[in-house]
């Protein structure tokens, strides 16, 4: 089992930046691939970014590529999502997710992740 707690959300003007953090506790964090997803009101939860257990492999949704960066610090049991050049359409609740897979694996589908945080709200004003 692993427990996940997101933080860092808030209200920001379009063009601004935020950094989300996801702190993990429980099982060995470095054994888990991690992902970030988001859900806007009335929409399905969608993939944003993912990172393998070592941090050597990352993947981004086309909508955030070049603006968002996912990273992790296994010594701190934390994964980050640096969000730059934010747009109003980035407004959503952001969730981090974990899956106990090693190697270069990362998941792009929410069904591939067993553990989820409670989410943090990101609101981008135009």
Foldseek 3Di string as FASTA:
>chain_A
DKAKAKDWADEEAQQAKIKMKIAIDDPQLLQKKKFKWWDDPPDDIFGAKIAASVRPDMDGDPVQPPFWDWGDDSVRRMIMIIGGRDDQVVWTWMKMFIDRHHDGDIDRDPVRTDYIYPTDTHGYHD
